[in-house]
């Protein structure tokens, strides 16, 4: 018999804090390093074409392993997977902080991605099995969503401060005390359980197909920034990855113990939530990247000032997510809240599509940062829908799937929208336009495209989620398998 945390246990609050801290550490690491890139290049002697892999090595490992890690968590124990992933991430953060060569840093970043995937894939699944009640579950998901939504902006500010006050090594070493605290608290806080074992759903060929497919696809996508969409270095791995993913889904319909059971994809809410999330994240992750580029490349902000300029967005998201999202979801339901939240997000990107070259922060950018608060409603609603009606035995897999579509959305969004922006900028530059005007016009194209993606997300949420359901869609509690 395994220990479990009863649904009414006050230890759920500690478990939520542990999972939120682990998630925040991962999200911070994804953005904090971008500010330190120039210092890393200067200190370690990275070539320009290799520097991007400080980010990409992490992204490829993280995005490609989420689905597999989520399923293994269901089978072997989610607590075990969470603790092991946190240990891998913390240890590789130490290696990254002590790196003295590019090869060591890239290897450490890949290992950080592995640890992040193990931790992130099961965190949401643990919460879904602990919080089965409507409003309490919505409140827990709001806290979880806030750590992901606001962590990136906080990471930019913290990265600038650490790099300026100390050096780039500390953007990695800062993870050590956080990771140690999470490991110390995870053992008493998280529910224990062994899971049914690998024989209950260990499809080795399926695991190989989906992991290799996602890794190849992400490798191709991140290469588009350097080589373009039509280059062999981008098109070939992306095509191979897509073929492997198709092969994975074909195998799942025939496998005796599928890695991704077809029952998971029979839920319209789950499928639509993942689709809407991919569209929304594609638009809004690119928003975060491109606004930072605009502030630095056009307005001349430094890294720390850029992070501070985007901090109101994090504050607004946090205020909405933690303050009102749970009450609104409990009263009106996840579908209605999601559709409503997408409207101000569309407005934010539409305003950016008209951003002037010499923009005033107060009149042109601050309203955008406040409208992005809609993300604090949309993400908790999507998270609830993405985990709705999921049996406890599949909670880790559903969590891994939700995180996978999030990573694919962010990678595709940055690749596509950055390419569109660069193409417009290059065309205007060749025509003799000044660099600031050309850059701004390129960003206009990207932001307008992002607004279009959000309109598609709103249409999908409206058409595919027409049937109202009770606002407290719950996951069937299966606390014994929650670890």
Protein backbone atom coordinates (compact mmCIF):
# COMPACT_ATOMS: atom_id res chain seq x y z
CA UNK A 1 0.00 0.00 0.00
CA UNK A 2 1.33 3.45 -0.89
CA UNK A 3 0.89 6.66 1.01
CA UNK A 4 -1.44 9.20 -0.50
CA UNK A 5 -2.61 12.70 0.25
CA UNK A 6 -6.36 12.81 0.92
CA UNK A 7 -8.27 15.39 -1.09
CA UNK A 8 -8.96 17.45 2.04
CA UNK A 9 -5.37 17.40 3.31
CA UNK A 10 -3.80 20.82 3.99
CA UNK A 11 -0.60 19.36 2.54
CA UNK A 12 -2.10 20.03 -0.87
CA UNK A 13 -1.07 23.66 -0.39
CA UNK A 14 2.54 22.62 0.21
CA UNK A 15 2.40 20.32 -2.82
CA UNK A 16 1.10 23.22 -4.92
CA UNK A 17 3.94 25.41 -3.66
CA UNK A 18 6.54 22.76 -4.50
CA UNK A 19 5.19 22.21 -8.02
CA UNK A 20 4.86 25.96 -8.63
CA UNK A 21 8.44 26.55 -7.45
CA UNK A 22 9.75 23.79 -9.69
CA UNK A 23 7.80 25.18 -12.65
CA UNK A 24 8.98 28.73 -11.97
CA UNK A 25 12.59 27.57 -11.87
CA UNK A 26 12.18 25.94 -15.28
CA UNK A 27 10.40 28.92 -16.84
CA UNK A 28 12.89 31.39 -15.43
CA UNK A 29 15.73 29.36 -16.90
CA UNK A 30 14.14 29.56 -20.33
CA UNK A 31 14.24 33.38 -20.38
CA UNK A 32 16.96 34.36 -17.93
CA UNK A 33 19.70 32.97 -20.16
CA UNK A 34 18.73 35.10 -23.18
CA UNK A 35 19.85 38.29 -21.40
CA UNK A 36 23.29 36.79 -20.65
CA UNK A 37 23.96 35.61 -24.21
CA UNK A 38 26.38 38.43 -25.20
CA UNK A 39 28.44 37.88 -22.03
CA UNK A 40 28.49 34.10 -22.62
CA UNK A 41 29.66 34.60 -26.20
CA UNK A 42 32.45 36.95 -25.15
CA UNK A 43 33.66 34.78 -22.26
CA UNK A 44 33.52 31.33 -23.87
CA UNK A 45 34.31 32.32 -27.46
CA UNK A 46 31.11 31.10 -29.12
CA UNK A 47 30.86 31.57 -32.85
CA UNK A 48 27.76 33.56 -33.87
CA UNK A 49 26.11 30.55 -35.50
CA UNK A 50 26.73 28.41 -32.42
CA UNK A 51 25.52 30.85 -29.80
CA UNK A 52 21.84 30.21 -30.53
CA UNK A 53 22.31 26.62 -29.40
CA UNK A 54 22.69 27.80 -25.83
CA UNK A 55 18.91 28.20 -26.08
CA UNK A 56 18.16 25.60 -28.75
CA UNK A 57 19.92 22.67 -27.04
CA UNK A 58 17.59 23.16 -24.09
CA UNK A 59 14.50 23.63 -26.26
CA UNK A 60 15.07 20.51 -28.38
CA UNK A 61 15.55 18.24 -25.35
CA UNK A 62 12.68 19.79 -23.41
CA UNK A 63 10.09 19.79 -26.18
CA UNK A 64 10.86 16.32 -27.50
CA UNK A 65 10.77 14.46 -24.16
CA UNK A 66 7.64 15.90 -22.52
CA UNK A 67 5.17 13.36 -23.89
CA UNK A 68 7.38 10.39 -23.06
CA UNK A 69 8.19 11.73 -19.58
CA UNK A 70 4.50 12.26 -18.86
CA UNK A 71 3.63 8.69 -19.76
CA UNK A 72 6.57 7.27 -17.82
CA UNK A 73 5.40 9.29 -14.84
CA UNK A 74 1.99 7.60 -15.03
CA UNK A 75 3.62 4.19 -15.21
CA UNK A 76 6.53 4.53 -12.79
CA UNK A 77 5.22 7.16 -10.38
CA UNK A 78 4.77 10.89 -10.91
CA UNK A 79 6.51 11.83 -7.69
CA UNK A 80 9.54 9.78 -8.69
CA UNK A 81 9.63 11.48 -12.09
CA UNK A 82 9.25 14.97 -10.58
CA UNK A 83 12.01 14.42 -8.01
CA UNK A 84 14.36 12.79 -10.52
CA UNK A 85 13.77 15.58 -13.04
CA UNK A 86 14.44 18.28 -10.45
CA UNK A 87 17.66 16.54 -9.46
CA UNK A 88 18.83 16.29 -13.07
CA UNK A 89 17.95 19.94 -13.71
CA UNK A 90 19.70 21.16 -10.55
CA UNK A 91 22.83 19.11 -11.19
CA UNK A 92 23.06 20.24 -14.82
CA UNK A 93 22.57 23.87 -13.68
CA UNK A 94 25.71 23.47 -11.58
CA UNK A 95 27.54 22.07 -14.60
CA UNK A 96 26.35 24.99 -16.75
CA UNK A 97 27.38 27.53 -14.13
CA UNK A 98 30.89 26.06 -13.96
CA UNK A 99 31.27 25.59 -17.75
CA UNK A 100 34.50 26.88 -19.22
CA UNK A 101 34.03 25.72 -22.82
CA UNK A 102 31.16 25.92 -25.32
CA UNK A 103 30.89 22.11 -25.50
CA UNK A 104 30.41 21.75 -21.75
CA UNK A 105 27.80 24.50 -21.64
CA UNK A 106 25.81 23.02 -24.54
CA UNK A 107 25.88 19.55 -22.95
CA UNK A 108 24.69 21.04 -19.66
CA UNK A 109 21.90 22.91 -21.44
CA UNK A 110 20.72 19.70 -23.12
CA UNK A 111 20.68 17.95 -19.73
CA UNK A 112 18.76 20.89 -18.26
CA UNK A 113 16.17 20.33 -20.99
CA UNK A 114 15.94 16.64 -20.06
CA UNK A 115 15.41 17.46 -16.38
CA UNK A 116 12.89 20.17 -17.22
CA UNK A 117 10.86 17.75 -19.34
CA UNK A 118 10.77 15.18 -16.53
CA UNK A 119 9.60 17.78 -14.01
CA UNK A 120 7.17 19.77 -16.14
CA UNK A 121 5.53 16.73 -17.70
CA UNK A 122 4.09 15.43 -14.43
CA UNK A 123 3.62 18.56 -12.31
CA UNK A 124 0.23 19.41 -13.77
CA UNK A 125 -0.83 15.75 -13.57
CA UNK A 126 -0.10 15.68 -9.82
CA UNK A 127 -2.15 18.81 -9.28
CA UNK A 128 -5.04 17.44 -11.32
CA UNK A 129 -5.30 14.40 -9.07
CA UNK A 130 -4.97 16.40 -5.84
CA UNK A 131 -7.48 19.13 -6.68
CA UNK A 132 -10.72 17.64 -7.89
CA UNK A 133 -13.13 20.29 -6.58
CA UNK A 134 -14.27 23.10 -8.88
CA UNK A 135 -13.14 26.38 -7.32
CA UNK A 136 -10.18 24.95 -5.41
CA UNK A 137 -8.95 23.24 -8.55
CA UNK A 138 -9.40 26.43 -10.56
CA UNK A 139 -7.44 28.37 -7.94
CA UNK A 140 -4.60 25.81 -7.98
CA UNK A 141 -4.45 25.89 -11.78
CA UNK A 142 -4.39 29.70 -11.65
CA UNK A 143 -1.31 29.61 -9.41
CA UNK A 144 0.31 27.02 -11.68
CA UNK A 145 -0.50 29.05 -14.80
CA UNK A 146 0.82 32.26 -13.27
CA UNK A 147 4.25 30.75 -12.68
CA UNK A 148 4.48 29.92 -16.37
CA UNK A 149 2.91 33.10 -17.72
CA UNK A 150 4.81 35.62 -15.60
CA UNK A 151 8.04 33.69 -15.07
CA UNK A 152 9.45 34.62 -18.46
CA UNK A 153 9.16 38.36 -17.82
CA UNK A 154 10.63 37.99 -14.34
CA UNK A 155 13.48 35.99 -15.85
CA UNK A 156 14.44 38.82 -18.18
CA UNK A 157 14.66 41.29 -15.29
CA UNK A 158 16.52 38.86 -13.04
CA UNK A 159 18.91 37.87 -15.84
CA UNK A 160 19.87 41.48 -16.46
CA UNK A 161 20.42 42.14 -12.77
CA UNK A 162 22.52 39.00 -12.18
CA UNK A 163 24.63 39.51 -15.31
CA UNK A 164 25.32 43.17 -14.51
CA UNK A 165 25.88 42.76 -10.76
CA UNK A 166 27.81 39.45 -10.83
CA UNK A 167 28.44 37.56 -14.10
CA UNK A 168 26.65 35.17 -16.47
CA UNK A 169 27.53 32.08 -14.42
CA UNK A 170 24.94 33.14 -11.85
CA UNK A 171 22.01 32.88 -14.26
CA UNK A 172 22.55 29.12 -13.88
CA UNK A 173 23.87 28.94 -10.32
CA UNK A 174 20.75 30.73 -9.03
CA UNK A 175 18.90 27.47 -9.71
CA UNK A 176 20.88 25.58 -7.05
CA UNK A 177 19.17 26.91 -3.88
CA UNK A 178 15.75 26.76 -5.56
CA UNK A 179 16.31 23.20 -6.75
CA UNK A 180 17.61 22.12 -3.33
CA UNK A 181 14.53 23.58 -1.63
CA UNK A 182 12.18 21.86 -4.08
CA UNK A 183 13.93 18.51 -3.56
CA UNK A 184 13.82 18.86 0.22
CA UNK A 185 10.10 19.67 0.28
CA UNK A 186 8.97 17.36 -2.51
CA UNK A 187 9.42 14.16 -0.52
CA UNK A 188 7.07 15.06 2.35
CA UNK A 189 4.69 17.21 0.27
CA UNK A 190 3.95 15.17 -2.86
CA UNK A 191 1.76 12.04 -2.71
CA UNK A 192 3.59 8.75 -3.07
CA UNK A 193 2.72 5.94 -5.42
CA UNK A 194 4.49 3.47 -7.66
CA UNK A 195 2.24 3.38 -10.72
CA UNK A 196 1.26 0.19 -12.55
CA UNK A 197 4.69 -0.38 -14.11
CA UNK A 198 6.05 -0.33 -17.65
CA UNK A 199 4.08 -3.35 -18.80
CA UNK A 200 0.84 -1.38 -18.47
CA UNK A 201 1.77 0.93 -21.33
CA UNK A 202 5.39 0.66 -22.44
CA UNK A 203 5.29 0.98 -26.23
CA UNK A 204 9.01 1.11 -26.96
CA UNK A 205 8.63 1.69 -30.70
CA UNK A 206 6.04 4.38 -30.10
CA UNK A 207 8.34 6.08 -27.61
CA UNK A 208 11.18 5.99 -30.13
CA UNK A 209 9.00 7.38 -32.93
CA UNK A 210 7.53 10.30 -30.98
CA UNK A 211 10.77 11.28 -29.24
CA UNK A 212 12.85 11.13 -32.43
CA UNK A 213 10.07 12.81 -34.41
CA UNK A 214 9.66 15.74 -32.04
CA UNK A 215 13.43 16.13 -31.68
CA UNK A 216 13.95 16.22 -35.45
CA UNK A 217 11.01 18.57 -35.99
CA UNK A 218 12.19 20.99 -33.31
CA UNK A 219 15.74 20.81 -34.63
CA UNK A 220 14.49 21.79 -38.07
CA UNK A 221 12.29 24.58 -36.74
CA UNK A 222 15.02 26.23 -34.67
CA UNK A 223 17.39 26.05 -37.66
CA UNK A 224 15.04 28.24 -39.70
CA UNK A 225 16.23 31.30 -37.78
CA UNK A 226 19.76 30.81 -39.14
CA UNK A 227 19.32 29.05 -42.48
CA UNK A 228 15.74 29.83 -43.59
CA UNK A 229 12.74 27.59 -44.20
CA UNK A 230 13.89 26.27 -47.58
CA UNK A 231 17.40 25.25 -46.52
CA UNK A 232 18.23 21.56 -46.23
CA UNK A 233 19.33 22.04 -42.61
CA UNK A 234 15.81 23.13 -41.70
CA UNK A 235 13.51 21.44 -44.23
CA UNK A 236 15.00 17.92 -44.09
CA UNK A 237 14.89 17.38 -40.29
CA UNK A 238 11.49 19.08 -40.04
CA UNK A 239 10.08 16.80 -42.77
CA UNK A 240 11.63 13.69 -41.24
CA UNK A 241 10.26 14.70 -37.84
CA UNK A 242 6.76 15.22 -39.24
CA UNK A 243 6.88 11.79 -40.91
CA UNK A 244 7.97 10.12 -37.67
CA UNK A 245 5.18 11.82 -35.72
CA UNK A 246 2.63 10.59 -38.31
CA UNK A 247 4.12 7.10 -37.94
CA UNK A 248 3.73 7.38 -34.19
CA UNK A 249 0.00 8.12 -34.44
CA UNK A 250 -0.49 5.29 -36.89
CA UNK A 251 1.22 2.89 -34.51
CA UNK A 252 -0.87 4.07 -31.54
CA UNK A 253 -4.04 2.85 -33.23
CA UNK A 254 -2.55 -0.66 -33.46
CA UNK A 255 -0.23 -1.04 -30.45
CA UNK A 256 -1.32 -3.39 -27.66
CA UNK A 257 -0.16 -0.95 -24.96
CA UNK A 258 -0.05 2.44 -26.73
CA UNK A 259 2.06 5.24 -25.34
CA UNK A 260 -0.76 7.69 -26.23
CA UNK A 261 -4.02 5.78 -25.73
CA UNK A 262 -6.68 6.82 -28.30
CA UNK A 263 -9.14 7.42 -25.44
CA UNK A 264 -7.21 10.56 -24.54
CA UNK A 265 -7.90 12.11 -27.94
CA UNK A 266 -11.63 11.32 -27.91
CA UNK A 267 -12.26 14.29 -25.62
CA UNK A 268 -13.24 17.33 -27.66
CA UNK A 269 -12.28 19.60 -24.75
CA UNK A 270 -8.78 18.13 -24.48
CA UNK A 271 -8.07 18.25 -28.23
CA UNK A 272 -9.47 21.76 -28.64
CA UNK A 273 -7.61 23.07 -25.58
CA UNK A 274 -4.32 21.84 -27.01
CA UNK A 275 -5.11 23.31 -30.44
CA UNK A 276 -6.12 26.69 -29.02
CA UNK A 277 -3.09 26.71 -26.75
CA UNK A 278 -0.73 26.08 -29.67
CA UNK A 279 -2.20 29.00 -31.62
CA UNK A 280 -2.24 31.30 -28.60
CA UNK A 281 1.29 30.49 -27.45
CA UNK A 282 2.60 30.86 -31.02
CA UNK A 283 1.28 34.43 -31.07
CA UNK A 284 2.14 35.47 -27.51
CA UNK A 285 5.59 33.90 -27.14
CA UNK A 286 6.58 35.64 -30.35
CA UNK A 287 5.05 38.82 -28.89
CA UNK A 288 7.41 38.60 -25.93
CA UNK A 289 10.46 38.02 -28.12
CA UNK A 290 9.62 40.64 -30.76
CA UNK A 291 8.64 43.38 -28.32
CA UNK A 292 12.00 42.89 -26.60
CA UNK A 293 13.76 43.13 -29.98
CA UNK A 294 11.81 46.28 -30.83
CA UNK A 295 12.71 47.94 -27.53
CA UNK A 296 16.40 47.11 -27.93
CA UNK A 297 16.83 47.41 -31.71
CA UNK A 298 14.56 50.39 -32.40
CA UNK A 299 14.20 52.25 -29.11
CA UNK A 300 17.73 51.55 -27.83
CA UNK A 301 16.81 49.98 -24.46
CA UNK A 302 19.42 47.88 -22.67
CA UNK A 303 18.60 44.39 -21.35
CA UNK A 304 17.66 45.43 -17.82
CA UNK A 305 15.46 48.31 -19.02
CA UNK A 306 13.76 45.99 -21.51
CA UNK A 307 12.92 43.55 -18.73
CA UNK A 308 11.53 46.35 -16.58
CA UNK A 309 9.48 47.67 -19.50
CA UNK A 310 7.80 44.29 -19.87
CA UNK A 311 7.32 43.77 -16.14
CA UNK A 312 3.82 45.39 -16.10
CA UNK A 313 2.64 42.54 -18.30
CA UNK A 314 3.78 40.01 -15.70
CA UNK A 315 2.15 42.02 -12.90
CA UNK A 316 -1.12 42.31 -14.84
CA UNK A 317 -1.14 38.61 -15.67
CA UNK A 318 -0.46 37.74 -12.04
CA UNK A 319 -3.17 40.04 -10.71
CA UNK A 320 -5.79 38.56 -13.02
CA UNK A 321 -4.63 34.95 -12.75
CA UNK A 322 -4.32 34.89 -8.97
CA UNK A 323 -7.01 37.43 -8.20
CA UNK A 324 -10.10 36.68 -10.28
CA UNK A 325 -9.57 33.76 -12.67
CA UNK A 326 -10.66 31.03 -10.23
CA UNK A 327 -13.86 32.88 -9.31
CA UNK A 328 -14.74 33.61 -12.92
CA UNK A 329 -14.08 30.04 -14.03
CA UNK A 330 -16.12 28.63 -11.15
CA UNK A 331 -19.03 30.95 -11.98
CA UNK A 332 -19.06 31.05 -15.78
CA UNK A 333 -17.08 27.97 -16.80
CA UNK A 334 -13.78 27.51 -18.58
CA UNK A 335 -15.19 27.84 -22.09
CA UNK A 336 -16.79 31.24 -21.55
CA UNK A 337 -13.76 32.60 -19.71
CA UNK A 338 -11.43 31.38 -22.47
CA UNK A 339 -13.43 33.02 -25.25
CA UNK A 340 -13.67 36.29 -23.33
CA UNK A 341 -9.95 36.31 -22.47
CA UNK A 342 -8.88 35.95 -26.11
CA UNK A 343 -10.53 39.27 -27.06
CA UNK A 344 -8.12 41.62 -25.19
CA UNK A 345 -5.19 39.51 -26.41
CA UNK A 346 -6.28 40.09 -30.00
CA UNK A 347 -6.56 43.80 -29.18
CA UNK A 348 -3.01 43.86 -27.74
CA UNK A 349 -1.43 42.47 -30.91
CA UNK A 350 -3.62 44.64 -33.11
CA UNK A 351 -2.28 47.71 -31.29
CA UNK A 352 1.28 46.49 -31.77
CA UNK A 353 0.64 46.11 -35.51
CA UNK A 354 0.33 49.94 -35.58
CA UNK A 355 3.29 50.65 -33.27
CA UNK A 356 5.17 53.81 -34.37
CA UNK A 357 8.93 53.94 -34.72
CA UNK A 358 9.28 56.52 -31.97
CA UNK A 359 6.70 55.00 -29.65
CA UNK A 360 5.90 56.48 -26.27
CA UNK A 361 6.02 53.81 -23.61
CA UNK A 362 3.12 55.25 -21.61
CA UNK A 363 0.70 55.80 -24.51
CA UNK A 364 1.78 53.12 -27.01
CA UNK A 365 3.21 50.21 -25.04
CA UNK A 366 1.77 50.31 -21.53
CA UNK A 367 -1.82 49.73 -22.77
CA UNK A 368 -0.55 46.63 -24.58
CA UNK A 369 1.10 45.33 -21.41
CA UNK A 370 -2.19 45.75 -19.55
CA UNK A 371 -4.29 44.06 -22.25
CA UNK A 372 -1.96 41.04 -22.08
CA UNK A 373 -3.55 40.44 -18.68
CA UNK A 374 -6.08 38.38 -20.65
CA UNK A 375 -3.44 35.67 -20.68
CA UNK A 376 -3.99 35.35 -16.93
CA UNK A 377 -7.55 34.24 -17.67
CA UNK A 378 -6.94 32.25 -20.84
CA UNK A 379 -4.17 29.97 -19.58
CA UNK A 380 -5.93 28.71 -16.41
CA UNK A 381 -9.08 28.08 -18.47
CA UNK A 382 -7.10 26.21 -21.11
CA UNK A 383 -5.26 24.22 -18.45
CA UNK A 384 -8.54 23.13 -16.90
CA UNK A 385 -9.95 22.14 -20.30
CA UNK A 386 -6.74 20.32 -21.22
CA UNK A 387 -7.05 18.17 -18.08
CA UNK A 388 -10.87 17.86 -18.03
CA UNK A 389 -12.39 14.42 -17.78
CA UNK A 390 -8.96 12.74 -17.68
CA UNK A 391 -8.84 9.53 -15.69
CA UNK A 392 -6.18 9.53 -12.99
CA UNK A 393 -4.15 6.89 -14.83
CA UNK A 394 -3.61 9.29 -17.75
CA UNK A 395 -3.04 12.52 -15.80
CA UNK A 396 0.72 12.57 -16.39
CA UNK A 397 0.28 11.85 -20.09
CA UNK A 398 -2.32 14.61 -20.47
CA UNK A 399 0.03 16.96 -18.63
CA UNK A 400 2.89 15.98 -20.94
CA UNK A 401 0.71 16.48 -24.02
CA UNK A 402 -0.40 19.93 -22.80
CA UNK A 403 3.21 21.00 -22.22
CA UNK A 404 4.30 19.55 -25.57
CA UNK A 405 1.80 21.60 -27.56
CA UNK A 406 2.92 24.64 -25.57
CA UNK A 407 6.54 24.10 -26.59
CA UNK A 408 5.64 23.40 -30.23
CA UNK A 409 3.55 26.56 -30.28
CA UNK A 410 6.37 28.69 -28.90
CA UNK A 411 8.94 27.24 -31.33
CA UNK A 412 6.67 27.57 -34.38
CA UNK A 413 5.52 31.04 -33.37
CA UNK A 414 9.00 32.45 -32.99
CA UNK A 415 10.23 30.75 -36.17
CA UNK A 416 7.32 31.82 -38.39
CA UNK A 417 6.74 35.32 -37.07
CA UNK A 418 10.45 36.13 -36.86
CA UNK A 419 10.89 34.95 -40.45
CA UNK A 420 8.01 37.15 -41.62
CA UNK A 421 9.43 40.14 -39.76
CA UNK A 422 12.93 39.59 -41.14
CA UNK A 423 11.63 39.19 -44.70
CA UNK A 424 9.72 42.48 -44.57
CA UNK A 425 12.66 44.28 -42.95
CA UNK A 426 15.13 43.01 -45.56
CA UNK A 427 12.84 44.02 -48.43
CA UNK A 428 12.46 47.57 -47.12
CA UNK A 429 16.17 47.86 -46.34
CA UNK A 430 17.01 46.96 -49.94
CA UNK A 431 14.61 49.69 -51.04
CA UNK A 432 16.54 52.26 -48.99
CA UNK A 433 14.35 52.58 -45.89
CA UNK A 434 16.18 53.60 -42.68
CA UNK A 435 16.91 50.68 -40.40
CA UNK A 436 14.52 51.67 -37.54
CA UNK A 437 11.60 52.11 -39.98
CA UNK A 438 12.38 48.83 -41.71
CA UNK A 439 12.58 46.93 -38.42
CA UNK A 440 9.32 48.42 -37.19
CA UNK A 441 7.52 47.55 -40.42
CA UNK A 442 8.76 43.98 -40.11
CA UNK A 443 7.42 43.74 -36.59
CA UNK A 444 4.08 45.11 -37.81
CA UNK A 445 3.75 42.12 -40.15
CA UNK A 446 4.61 39.70 -37.34
CA UNK A 447 2.19 41.26 -34.86
CA UNK A 448 -0.63 41.35 -37.40
CA UNK A 449 -0.01 37.66 -38.14
CA UNK A 450 -0.03 36.94 -34.40
CA UNK A 451 -3.38 38.71 -34.09
CA UNK A 452 -4.65 36.49 -36.90
CA UNK A 453 -3.52 33.38 -35.01
CA UNK A 454 -5.46 34.57 -31.97
CA UNK A 455 -8.56 35.12 -34.11
CA UNK A 456 -8.23 31.50 -35.28
CA UNK A 457 -7.90 30.43 -31.65
CA UNK A 458 -11.08 32.32 -30.78
CA UNK A 459 -12.94 30.71 -33.70
CA UNK A 460 -11.78 27.25 -32.63
CA UNK A 461 -12.85 27.89 -29.03
CA UNK A 462 -16.23 29.18 -30.21
CA UNK A 463 -17.03 26.50 -32.79
CA UNK A 464 -15.48 23.42 -31.20
CA UNK A 465 -16.46 24.18 -27.60
CA UNK A 466 -20.09 25.10 -28.20
CA UNK A 467 -21.71 22.81 -25.65
CA UNK A 468 -21.72 24.38 -22.18
CA UNK A 469 -20.63 22.17 -19.34
CA UNK A 470 -20.60 22.54 -15.59
CA UNK A 471 -17.89 24.99 -14.58
CA UNK A 472 -16.19 22.53 -12.30
CA UNK A 473 -15.08 19.95 -14.84
CA UNK A 474 -12.98 17.67 -12.70
CA UNK A 475 -10.36 15.02 -13.09
CA UNK A 476 -11.35 11.70 -11.60
CA UNK A 477 -9.26 11.47 -8.43
CA UNK A 478 -6.72 8.69 -8.46
CA UNK A 479 -4.43 9.78 -5.70
CA UNK A 480 -2.79 6.40 -5.40
CA UNK A 481 -1.35 6.87 -8.86
CA UNK A 482 -0.65 10.57 -8.39
CA UNK A 483 3.01 10.19 -7.74
